[in-house]
PDB file of all heavy atoms in Angstrom:
ATOM      1  N   ASP A   1       9.243   2.785 -20.102  1.00  0.00           N
ATOM      2  CA  ASP A   1       8.974   2.400 -21.555  1.00  0.00           C
ATOM      3  C   ASP A   1       8.420   3.491 -22.393  1.00  0.00           C
ATOM      4  O   ASP A   1       8.424   3.324 -23.658  1.00  0.00           O
ATOM      5  CB  ASP A   1       8.030   1.159 -21.539  1.00  0.00           C
ATOM      6  CG  ASP A   1       8.707  -0.098 -21.296  1.00  0.00           C
ATOM      7  OD1 ASP A   1       9.433  -0.196 -20.282  1.00  0.00           O
ATOM      8  OD2 ASP A   1       8.570  -1.089 -21.977  1.00  0.00           O
ATOM      9  N   LEU A   2       7.900   4.567 -21.750  1.00  0.00           N
ATOM     10  CA  LEU A   2       7.309   5.670 -22.553  1.00  0.00           C
ATOM     11  C   LEU A   2       7.940   6.992 -22.381  1.00  0.00           C
ATOM     12  O   LEU A   2       8.186   7.572 -23.389  1.00  0.00           O
ATOM     13  CB  LEU A   2       5.749   5.737 -22.158  1.00  0.00           C
ATOM     14  CG  LEU A   2       4.890   6.610 -23.109  1.00  0.00           C
ATOM     15  CD1 LEU A   2       4.904   6.004 -24.517  1.00  0.00           C
ATOM     16  CD2 LEU A   2       3.565   6.636 -22.596  1.00  0.00           C
ATOM     17  N   PHE A   3       8.191   7.407 -21.128  1.00  0.00           N
ATOM     18  CA  PHE A   3       8.666   8.731 -20.945  1.00  0.00           C
ATOM     19  C   PHE A   3      10.262   8.747 -20.614  1.00  0.00           C
ATOM     20  O   PHE A   3      10.779   9.844 -20.522  1.00  0.00           O
ATOM     21  CB  PHE A   3       7.888   9.464 -19.781  1.00  0.00           C
ATOM     22  CG  PHE A   3       6.442   9.576 -20.114  1.00  0.00           C
ATOM     23  CD1 PHE A   3       5.477   8.900 -19.445  1.00  0.00           C
ATOM     24  CD2 PHE A   3       6.059  10.445 -21.172  1.00  0.00           C
ATOM     25  CE1 PHE A   3       4.103   9.020 -19.780  1.00  0.00           C
ATOM     26  CE2 PHE A   3       4.698  10.618 -21.534  1.00  0.00           C
ATOM     27  CZ  PHE A   3       3.734   9.922 -20.807  1.00  0.00           C
ATOM     28  N   GLU A   4      10.808   7.609 -20.381  1.00  0.00           N
ATOM     29  CA  GLU A   4      12.184   7.497 -20.226  1.00  0.00           C
ATOM     30  C   GLU A   4      12.814   8.409 -19.160  1.00  0.00           C
ATOM     31  O   GLU A   4      13.768   9.109 -19.348  1.00  0.00           O
ATOM     32  CB  GLU A   4      12.883   7.774 -21.610  1.00  0.00           C
ATOM     33  CG  GLU A   4      12.583   6.734 -22.612  1.00  0.00           C
ATOM     34  CD  GLU A   4      13.140   7.143 -23.984  1.00  0.00           C
ATOM     35  OE1 GLU A   4      13.411   8.321 -24.206  1.00  0.00           O
ATOM     36  OE2 GLU A   4      13.348   6.166 -24.825  1.00  0.00           O
ATOM     37  N   GLY A   5      12.156   8.438 -17.998  1.00  0.00           N
ATOM     38  CA  GLY A   5      12.640   9.177 -16.833  1.00  0.00           C
ATOM     39  C   GLY A   5      12.423  10.619 -16.920  1.00  0.00           C
ATOM     40  O   GLY A   5      12.979  11.404 -16.089  1.00  0.00           O
ATOM     41  N   ALA A   6      11.586  11.136 -17.805  1.00  0.00           N
ATOM     42  CA  ALA A   6      11.385  12.623 -17.975  1.00  0.00           C
ATOM     43  C   ALA A   6      10.674  13.160 -16.789  1.00  0.00           C
ATOM     44  O   ALA A   6       9.787  12.505 -16.201  1.00  0.00           O
ATOM     45  CB  ALA A   6      10.646  12.875 -19.235  1.00  0.00           C
ATOM     46  N   THR A   7      11.017  14.399 -16.434  1.00  0.00           N
ATOM     47  CA  THR A   7      10.309  15.158 -15.391  1.00  0.00           C
ATOM     48  C   THR A   7       9.649  16.371 -16.018  1.00  0.00           C
ATOM     49  O   THR A   7       9.796  16.656 -17.278  1.00  0.00           O
ATOM     50  CB  THR A   7      11.307  15.648 -14.290  1.00  0.00           C
ATOM     51  OG1 THR A   7      12.201  16.563 -14.865  1.00  0.00           O
ATOM     52  CG2 THR A   7      12.072  14.431 -13.742  1.00  0.00           C
ATOM     53  N   PHE A   8       8.957  17.138 -15.217  1.00  0.00           N
ATOM     54  CA  PHE A   8       8.334  18.354 -15.812  1.00  0.00           C
ATOM     55  C   PHE A   8       9.348  19.414 -16.218  1.00  0.00           C
ATOM     56  O   PHE A   8       9.036  20.231 -17.020  1.00  0.00           O
ATOM     57  CB  PHE A   8       7.368  18.999 -14.747  1.00  0.00           C
ATOM     58  CG  PHE A   8       6.024  18.350 -14.669  1.00  0.00           C
ATOM     59  CD1 PHE A   8       5.772  17.112 -14.037  1.00  0.00           C
ATOM     60  CD2 PHE A   8       4.909  18.839 -15.398  1.00  0.00           C
ATOM     61  CE1 PHE A   8       4.586  16.489 -14.081  1.00  0.00           C
ATOM     62  CE2 PHE A   8       3.712  18.181 -15.411  1.00  0.00           C
ATOM     63  CZ  PHE A   8       3.507  17.079 -14.793  1.00  0.00           C
ATOM     64  N   ALA A   9      10.522  19.284 -15.716  1.00  0.00           N
ATOM     65  CA  ALA A   9      11.535  20.231 -16.237  1.00  0.00           C
ATOM     66  C   ALA A   9      11.849  19.978 -17.662  1.00  0.00           C
ATOM     67  O   ALA A   9      12.105  20.921 -18.460  1.00  0.00           O
ATOM     68  CB  ALA A   9      12.913  20.053 -15.436  1.00  0.00           C
ATOM     69  N   ASP A  10      11.648  18.798 -18.176  1.00  0.00           N
ATOM     70  CA  ASP A  10      11.858  18.418 -19.575  1.00  0.00           C
ATOM     71  C   ASP A  10      10.802  18.940 -20.509  1.00  0.00           C
ATOM     72  O   ASP A  10      10.931  18.930 -21.701  1.00  0.00           O
ATOM     73  CB  ASP A  10      11.998  16.929 -19.783  1.00  0.00           C
ATOM     74  CG  ASP A  10      13.224  16.377 -19.014  1.00  0.00           C
ATOM     75  OD1 ASP A  10      14.363  16.862 -19.177  1.00  0.00           O
ATOM     76  OD2 ASP A  10      13.007  15.440 -18.137  1.00  0.00           O
ATOM     77  N   LEU A  11       9.667  19.389 -19.995  1.00  0.00           N
ATOM     78  CA  LEU A  11       8.647  20.004 -20.786  1.00  0.00           C
ATOM     79  C   LEU A  11       8.845  21.450 -21.143  1.00  0.00           C
ATOM     80  O   LEU A  11       8.214  22.103 -21.973  1.00  0.00           O
ATOM     81  CB  LEU A  11       7.245  19.941 -20.036  1.00  0.00           C
ATOM     82  CG  LEU A  11       6.618  18.507 -19.894  1.00  0.00           C
ATOM     83  CD1 LEU A  11       5.375  18.666 -19.139  1.00  0.00           C
ATOM     84  CD2 LEU A  11       6.521  17.790 -21.137  1.00  0.00           C
ATOM     85  N   GLN A  12       9.868  22.007 -20.594  1.00  0.00           N
ATOM     86  CA  GLN A  12      10.227  23.498 -20.828  1.00  0.00           C
ATOM     87  C   GLN A  12      11.091  23.780 -22.031  1.00  0.00           C
ATOM     88  O   GLN A  12      12.017  24.448 -22.002  1.00  0.00           O
ATOM     89  CB  GLN A  12      10.895  24.030 -19.541  1.00  0.00           C
ATOM     90  CG  GLN A  12      10.178  23.794 -18.264  1.00  0.00           C
ATOM     91  CD  GLN A  12       8.763  24.248 -18.260  1.00  0.00           C
ATOM     92  OE1 GLN A  12       8.594  25.465 -18.598  1.00  0.00           O
ATOM     93  NE2 GLN A  12       7.851  23.506 -17.807  1.00  0.00           N
ATOM     94  N   ARG A  13      10.595  23.198 -23.141  1.00  0.00           N
ATOM     95  CA  ARG A  13      11.268  23.444 -24.426  1.00  0.00           C
ATOM     96  C   ARG A  13      10.752  24.716 -24.952  1.00  0.00           C
ATOM     97  O   ARG A  13       9.541  25.095 -24.790  1.00  0.00           O
ATOM     98  CB  ARG A  13      10.950  22.353 -25.472  1.00  0.00           C
ATOM     99  CG  ARG A  13      11.494  20.998 -25.072  1.00  0.00           C
ATOM    100  CD  ARG A  13      11.230  19.956 -26.167  1.00  0.00           C
ATOM    101  NE  ARG A  13       9.810  19.669 -26.337  1.00  0.00           N
ATOM    102  CZ  ARG A  13       9.114  20.127 -27.370  1.00  0.00           C
ATOM    103  NH1 ARG A  13       9.662  20.833 -28.348  1.00  0.00           N
ATOM    104  NH2 ARG A  13       7.837  19.903 -27.487  1.00  0.00           N
ATOM    105  N   PRO A  14      11.579  25.563 -25.651  1.00  0.00           N
ATOM    106  CA  PRO A  14      11.148  26.879 -26.102  1.00  0.00           C
ATOM    107  C   PRO A  14       9.916  26.836 -27.052  1.00  0.00           C
ATOM    108  O   PRO A  14       9.112  27.682 -27.008  1.00  0.00           O
ATOM    109  CB  PRO A  14      12.445  27.408 -26.890  1.00  0.00           C
ATOM    110  CG  PRO A  14      13.527  26.715 -26.181  1.00  0.00           C
ATOM    111  CD  PRO A  14      13.012  25.360 -25.884  1.00  0.00           C
ATOM    112  N   ASP A  15       9.889  25.735 -27.851  1.00  0.00           N
ATOM    113  CA  ASP A  15       8.760  25.784 -28.815  1.00  0.00           C
ATOM    114  C   ASP A  15       7.580  24.883 -28.341  1.00  0.00           C
ATOM    115  O   ASP A  15       6.685  24.536 -29.137  1.00  0.00           O
ATOM    116  CB  ASP A  15       9.278  25.265 -30.147  1.00  0.00           C
ATOM    117  CG  ASP A  15       9.916  23.826 -30.067  1.00  0.00           C
ATOM    118  OD1 ASP A  15      10.294  23.429 -28.967  1.00  0.00           O
ATOM    119  OD2 ASP A  15      10.104  23.097 -31.105  1.00  0.00           O
ATOM    120  N   ALA A  16       7.668  24.366 -27.111  1.00  0.00           N
ATOM    121  CA  ALA A  16       6.670  23.481 -26.556  1.00  0.00           C
ATOM    122  C   ALA A  16       5.429  24.258 -26.020  1.00  0.00           C
ATOM    123  O   ALA A  16       5.570  25.370 -25.497  1.00  0.00           O
ATOM    124  CB  ALA A  16       7.247  22.559 -25.544  1.00  0.00           C
ATOM    125  N   PRO A  17       4.201  23.786 -26.180  1.00  0.00           N
ATOM    126  CA  PRO A  17       3.126  24.311 -25.567  1.00  0.00           C
ATOM    127  C   PRO A  17       3.121  24.042 -24.048  1.00  0.00           C
ATOM    128  O   PRO A  17       3.874  23.115 -23.620  1.00  0.00           O
ATOM    129  CB  PRO A  17       1.860  23.604 -26.159  1.00  0.00           C
ATOM    130  CG  PRO A  17       2.445  22.313 -26.516  1.00  0.00           C
ATOM    131  CD  PRO A  17       3.846  22.485 -26.889  1.00  0.00           C
ATOM    132  N   GLN A  18       2.344  24.827 -23.264  1.00  0.00           N
ATOM    133  CA  GLN A  18       2.180  24.465 -21.803  1.00  0.00           C
ATOM    134  C   GLN A  18       1.270  23.246 -21.730  1.00  0.00           C
ATOM    135  O   GLN A  18       0.247  23.231 -22.318  1.00  0.00           O
ATOM    136  CB  GLN A  18       1.698  25.662 -21.038  1.00  0.00           C
ATOM    137  CG  GLN A  18       1.567  25.257 -19.548  1.00  0.00           C
ATOM    138  CD  GLN A  18       0.888  26.370 -18.815  1.00  0.00           C
ATOM    139  OE1 GLN A  18       0.639  27.482 -19.275  1.00  0.00           O
ATOM    140  NE2 GLN A  18       0.566  26.156 -17.504  1.00  0.00           N
ATOM    141  N   VAL A  19       1.718  22.186 -21.109  1.00  0.00           N
ATOM    142  CA  VAL A  19       0.930  21.039 -20.838  1.00  0.00           C
ATOM    143  C   VAL A  19       0.395  20.966 -19.357  1.00  0.00           C
ATOM    144  O   VAL A  19       1.203  21.026 -18.473  1.00  0.00           O
ATOM    145  CB  VAL A  19       1.728  19.758 -21.175  1.00  0.00           C
ATOM    146  CG1 VAL A  19       0.853  18.496 -20.851  1.00  0.00           C
ATOM    147  CG2 VAL A  19       2.136  19.737 -22.588  1.00  0.00           C
ATOM    148  N   VAL A  20      -0.941  21.013 -19.249  1.00  0.00           N
ATOM    149  CA  VAL A  20      -1.637  20.912 -17.919  1.00  0.00           C
ATOM    150  C   VAL A  20      -2.211  19.587 -17.836  1.00  0.00           C
ATOM    151  O   VAL A  20      -3.220  19.288 -18.409  1.00  0.00           O
ATOM    152  CB  VAL A  20      -2.656  22.098 -17.759  1.00  0.00           C
ATOM    153  CG1 VAL A  20      -3.236  22.004 -16.404  1.00  0.00           C
ATOM    154  CG2 VAL A  20      -2.081  23.368 -18.004  1.00  0.00           C
ATOM    155  N   ILE A  21      -1.667  18.633 -17.016  1.00  0.00           N
ATOM    156  CA  ILE A  21      -2.137  17.385 -16.743  1.00  0.00           C
ATOM    157  C   ILE A  21      -3.047  17.482 -15.483  1.00  0.00           C
ATOM    158  O   ILE A  21      -2.545  18.014 -14.491  1.00  0.00           O
ATOM    159  CB  ILE A  21      -0.976  16.325 -16.496  1.00  0.00           C
ATOM    160  CG1 ILE A  21      -0.255  16.205 -17.792  1.00  0.00           C
ATOM    161  CG2 ILE A  21      -1.566  14.966 -16.114  1.00  0.00           C
ATOM    162  CD1 ILE A  21       0.951  15.392 -17.706  1.00  0.00           C
ATOM    163  N   ASN A  22      -4.304  17.000 -15.575  1.00  0.00           N
ATOM    164  CA  ASN A  22      -5.194  17.119 -14.465  1.00  0.00           C
ATOM    165  C   ASN A  22      -5.582  15.800 -13.825  1.00  0.00           C
ATOM    166  O   ASN A  22      -5.823  14.831 -14.590  1.00  0.00           O
ATOM    167  CB  ASN A  22      -6.506  17.797 -15.056  1.00  0.00           C
ATOM    168  CG  ASN A  22      -6.249  19.194 -15.504  1.00  0.00           C
ATOM    169  OD1 ASN A  22      -6.165  20.156 -14.836  1.00  0.00           O
ATOM    170  ND2 ASN A  22      -6.220  19.323 -16.887  1.00  0.00           N
ATOM    171  N   ALA A  23      -5.533  15.830 -12.519  1.00  0.00           N
ATOM    172  CA  ALA A  23      -6.030  14.633 -11.787  1.00  0.00           C
ATOM    173  C   ALA A  23      -7.185  15.107 -10.904  1.00  0.00           C
ATOM    174  O   ALA A  23      -7.569  16.258 -10.863  1.00  0.00           O
ATOM    175  CB  ALA A  23      -4.915  14.058 -10.967  1.00  0.00           C
ATOM    176  N   THR A  24      -7.643  14.221 -10.019  1.00  0.00           N
ATOM    177  CA  THR A  24      -8.685  14.598  -9.044  1.00  0.00           C
ATOM    178  C   THR A  24      -8.250  14.253  -7.706  1.00  0.00           C
ATOM    179  O   THR A  24      -7.663  13.116  -7.473  1.00  0.00           O
ATOM    180  CB  THR A  24     -10.028  13.732  -9.372  1.00  0.00           C
ATOM    181  OG1 THR A  24     -10.542  14.097 -10.668  1.00  0.00           O
ATOM    182  CG2 THR A  24     -11.097  14.109  -8.293  1.00  0.00           C
ATOM    183  N   ASP A  25      -8.413  15.189  -6.738  1.00  0.00           N
ATOM    184  CA  ASP A  25      -7.965  14.993  -5.412  1.00  0.00           C
ATOM    185  C   ASP A  25      -9.076  14.129  -4.715  1.00  0.00           C
ATOM    186  O   ASP A  25     -10.248  14.668  -4.624  1.00  0.00           O
ATOM    187  CB  ASP A  25      -7.889  16.292  -4.705  1.00  0.00           C
ATOM    188  CG  ASP A  25      -7.501  16.226  -3.228  1.00  0.00           C
ATOM    189  OD1 ASP A  25      -7.479  15.086  -2.685  1.00  0.00           O
ATOM    190  OD2 ASP A  25      -7.228  17.248  -2.522  1.00  0.00           O
ATOM    191  N   LEU A  26      -8.813  12.931  -4.363  1.00  0.00           N
ATOM    192  CA  LEU A  26      -9.842  12.044  -3.860  1.00  0.00           C
ATOM    193  C   LEU A  26     -10.367  12.615  -2.533  1.00  0.00           C
ATOM    194  O   LEU A  26     -11.557  12.342  -2.186  1.00  0.00           O
ATOM    195  CB  LEU A  26      -9.248  10.670  -3.534  1.00  0.00           C
ATOM    196  CG  LEU A  26     -10.172   9.503  -3.262  1.00  0.00           C
ATOM    197  CD1 LEU A  26     -11.148   9.300  -4.356  1.00  0.00           C
ATOM    198  CD2 LEU A  26      -9.409   8.206  -2.949  1.00  0.00           C
ATOM    199  N   GLY A  27      -9.665  13.389  -1.746  1.00  0.00           N
ATOM    200  CA  GLY A  27     -10.080  13.822  -0.489  1.00  0.00           C
ATOM    201  C   GLY A  27     -11.057  15.019  -0.577  1.00  0.00           C
ATOM    202  O   GLY A  27     -11.869  15.234   0.308  1.00  0.00           O
ATOM    203  N   THR A  28     -11.068  15.684  -1.703  1.00  0.00           N
ATOM    204  CA  THR A  28     -11.968  16.872  -1.916  1.00  0.00           C
ATOM    205  C   THR A  28     -12.950  16.708  -3.139  1.00  0.00           C
ATOM    206  O   THR A  28     -13.972  17.338  -3.134  1.00  0.00           O
ATOM    207  CB  THR A  28     -11.189  18.137  -2.074  1.00  0.00           C
ATOM    208  OG1 THR A  28     -10.409  18.073  -3.247  1.00  0.00           O
ATOM    209  CG2 THR A  28     -10.306  18.388  -0.853  1.00  0.00           C
ATOM    210  N   GLY A  29     -12.563  15.806  -4.018  1.00  0.00           N
ATOM    211  CA  GLY A  29     -13.350  15.704  -5.300  1.00  0.00           C
ATOM    212  C   GLY A  29     -13.011  16.804  -6.252  1.00  0.00           C
ATOM    213  O   GLY A  29     -13.640  16.832  -7.265  1.00  0.00           O
ATOM    214  N   GLY A  30     -12.108  17.654  -5.922  1.00  0.00           N
ATOM    215  CA  GLY A  30     -11.757  18.745  -6.776  1.00  0.00           C
ATOM    216  C   GLY A  30     -10.662  18.445  -7.805  1.00  0.00           C
ATOM    217  O   GLY A  30      -9.930  17.420  -7.566  1.00  0.00           O
ATOM    218  N   ARG A  31     -10.524  19.279  -8.856  1.00  0.00           N
ATOM    219  CA  ARG A  31      -9.534  19.086  -9.832  1.00  0.00           C
ATOM    220  C   ARG A  31      -8.205  19.512  -9.309  1.00  0.00           C
ATOM    221  O   ARG A  31      -8.046  20.507  -8.668  1.00  0.00           O
ATOM    222  CB  ARG A  31      -9.905  19.930 -11.049  1.00  0.00           C
ATOM    223  CG  ARG A  31      -8.885  19.765 -12.233  1.00  0.00           C
ATOM    224  CD  ARG A  31      -9.391  20.621 -13.397  1.00  0.00           C
ATOM    225  NE  ARG A  31      -9.306  22.059 -13.053  1.00  0.00           N
ATOM    226  CZ  ARG A  31      -8.250  22.860 -13.226  1.00  0.00           C
ATOM    227  NH1 ARG A  31      -7.163  22.336 -13.889  1.00  0.00           N
ATOM    228  NH2 ARG A  31      -8.207  24.093 -12.927  1.00  0.00           N
ATOM    229  N   PHE A  32      -7.119  18.677  -9.492  1.00  0.00           N
ATOM    230  CA  PHE A  32      -5.809  19.013  -9.128  1.00  0.00           C
ATOM    231  C   PHE A  32      -4.938  19.116 -10.372  1.00  0.00           C
ATOM    232  O   PHE A  32      -4.672  18.037 -10.933  1.00  0.00           O
ATOM    233  CB  PHE A  32      -5.266  18.089  -8.102  1.00  0.00           C
ATOM    234  CG  PHE A  32      -3.866  18.519  -7.673  1.00  0.00           C
ATOM    235  CD1 PHE A  32      -3.710  19.386  -6.616  1.00  0.00           C
ATOM    236  CD2 PHE A  32      -2.716  18.076  -8.296  1.00  0.00           C
ATOM    237  CE1 PHE A  32      -2.421  19.701  -6.118  1.00  0.00           C
ATOM    238  CE2 PHE A  32      -1.454  18.415  -7.857  1.00  0.00           C
ATOM    239  CZ  PHE A  32      -1.347  19.275  -6.823  1.00  0.00           C
ATOM    240  N   PRO A  33      -4.496  20.282 -10.844  1.00  0.00           N
ATOM    241  CA  PRO A  33      -3.638  20.355 -12.074  1.00  0.00           C
ATOM    242  C   PRO A  33      -2.185  20.201 -11.644  1.00  0.00           C
ATOM    243  O   PRO A  33      -1.713  20.835 -10.617  1.00  0.00           O
ATOM    244  CB  PRO A  33      -3.968  21.762 -12.567  1.00  0.00           C
ATOM    245  CG  PRO A  33      -4.240  22.577 -11.298  1.00  0.00           C
ATOM    246  CD  PRO A  33      -4.864  21.592 -10.381  1.00  0.00           C
ATOM    247  N   PHE A  34      -1.412  19.574 -12.489  1.00  0.00           N
ATOM    248  CA  PHE A  34       0.018  19.563 -12.296  1.00  0.00           C
ATOM    249  C   PHE A  34       0.651  20.764 -12.918  1.00  0.00           C
ATOM    250  O   PHE A  34       1.273  20.698 -14.084  1.00  0.00           O
ATOM    251  CB  PHE A  34       0.631  18.321 -12.851  1.00  0.00           C
ATOM    252  CG  PHE A  34       0.324  16.967 -12.050  1.00  0.00           C
ATOM    253  CD1 PHE A  34      -0.852  16.303 -12.137  1.00  0.00           C
ATOM    254  CD2 PHE A  34       1.267  16.576 -11.135  1.00  0.00           C
ATOM    255  CE1 PHE A  34      -1.118  15.269 -11.333  1.00  0.00           C
ATOM    256  CE2 PHE A  34       1.099  15.444 -10.373  1.00  0.00           C
ATOM    257  CZ  PHE A  34      -0.190  14.742 -10.413  1.00  0.00           C
ATOM    258  N   ILE A  35       0.626  21.844 -12.256  1.00  0.00           N
ATOM    259  CA  ILE A  35       1.211  23.151 -12.603  1.00  0.00           C
ATOM    260  C   ILE A  35       2.006  23.734 -11.439  1.00  0.00           C
ATOM    261  O   ILE A  35       1.770  23.339 -10.282  1.00  0.00           O
ATOM    262  CB  ILE A  35       0.128  24.140 -13.139  1.00  0.00           C
ATOM    263  CG1 ILE A  35      -0.846  24.370 -11.974  1.00  0.00           C
ATOM    264  CG2 ILE A  35      -0.596  23.628 -14.402  1.00  0.00           C
ATOM    265  CD1 ILE A  35      -1.934  25.494 -12.340  1.00  0.00           C
ATOM    266  N   GLN A  36       2.832  24.664 -11.773  1.00  0.00           N
ATOM    267  CA  GLN A  36       3.713  25.198 -10.686  1.00  0.00           C
ATOM    268  C   GLN A  36       2.842  25.901  -9.590  1.00  0.00           C
ATOM    269  O   GLN A  36       3.249  25.750  -8.405  1.00  0.00           O
ATOM    270  CB  GLN A  36       4.628  26.249 -11.277  1.00  0.00           C
ATOM    271  CG  GLN A  36       5.748  26.714 -10.424  1.00  0.00           C
ATOM    272  CD  GLN A  36       6.572  25.481  -9.925  1.00  0.00           C
ATOM    273  OE1 GLN A  36       7.273  24.874 -10.795  1.00  0.00           O
ATOM    274  NE2 GLN A  36       6.662  25.185  -8.628  1.00  0.00           N
ATOM    275  N   GLY A  37       1.811  26.563  -9.985  1.00  0.00           N
ATOM    276  CA  GLY A  37       0.955  27.288  -8.974  1.00  0.00           C
ATOM    277  C   GLY A  37       0.432  26.336  -7.937  1.00  0.00           C
ATOM    278  O   GLY A  37       0.421  26.622  -6.740  1.00  0.00           O
ATOM    279  N   ALA A  38      -0.003  25.106  -8.324  1.00  0.00           N
ATOM    280  CA  ALA A  38      -0.619  24.149  -7.462  1.00  0.00           C
ATOM    281  C   ALA A  38       0.464  23.630  -6.574  1.00  0.00           C
ATOM    282  O   ALA A  38       0.221  23.409  -5.440  1.00  0.00           O
ATOM    283  CB  ALA A  38      -1.316  23.084  -8.232  1.00  0.00           C
ATOM    284  N   PHE A  39       1.633  23.301  -7.119  1.00  0.00           N
ATOM    285  CA  PHE A  39       2.750  22.704  -6.370  1.00  0.00           C
ATOM    286  C   PHE A  39       3.300  23.726  -5.397  1.00  0.00           C
ATOM    287  O   PHE A  39       3.826  23.437  -4.326  1.00  0.00           O
ATOM    288  CB  PHE A  39       3.875  22.207  -7.321  1.00  0.00           C
ATOM    289  CG  PHE A  39       3.677  20.759  -7.685  1.00  0.00           C
ATOM    290  CD1 PHE A  39       2.508  20.294  -8.348  1.00  0.00           C
ATOM    291  CD2 PHE A  39       4.636  19.821  -7.391  1.00  0.00           C
ATOM    292  CE1 PHE A  39       2.337  19.023  -8.629  1.00  0.00           C
ATOM    293  CE2 PHE A  39       4.494  18.479  -7.662  1.00  0.00           C
ATOM    294  CZ  PHE A  39       3.291  18.045  -8.252  1.00  0.00           C
TER     295      PHE A  39
END
């Protein structure tokens, strides 16, 4: 209903900012960013 099947590949528009979505790793309590380096 909101993102219509979009993946992170769809964020790679030439005029788009980089979007860093952050979660928390429950096992460590540390921040986990959804970025290529972390993946």
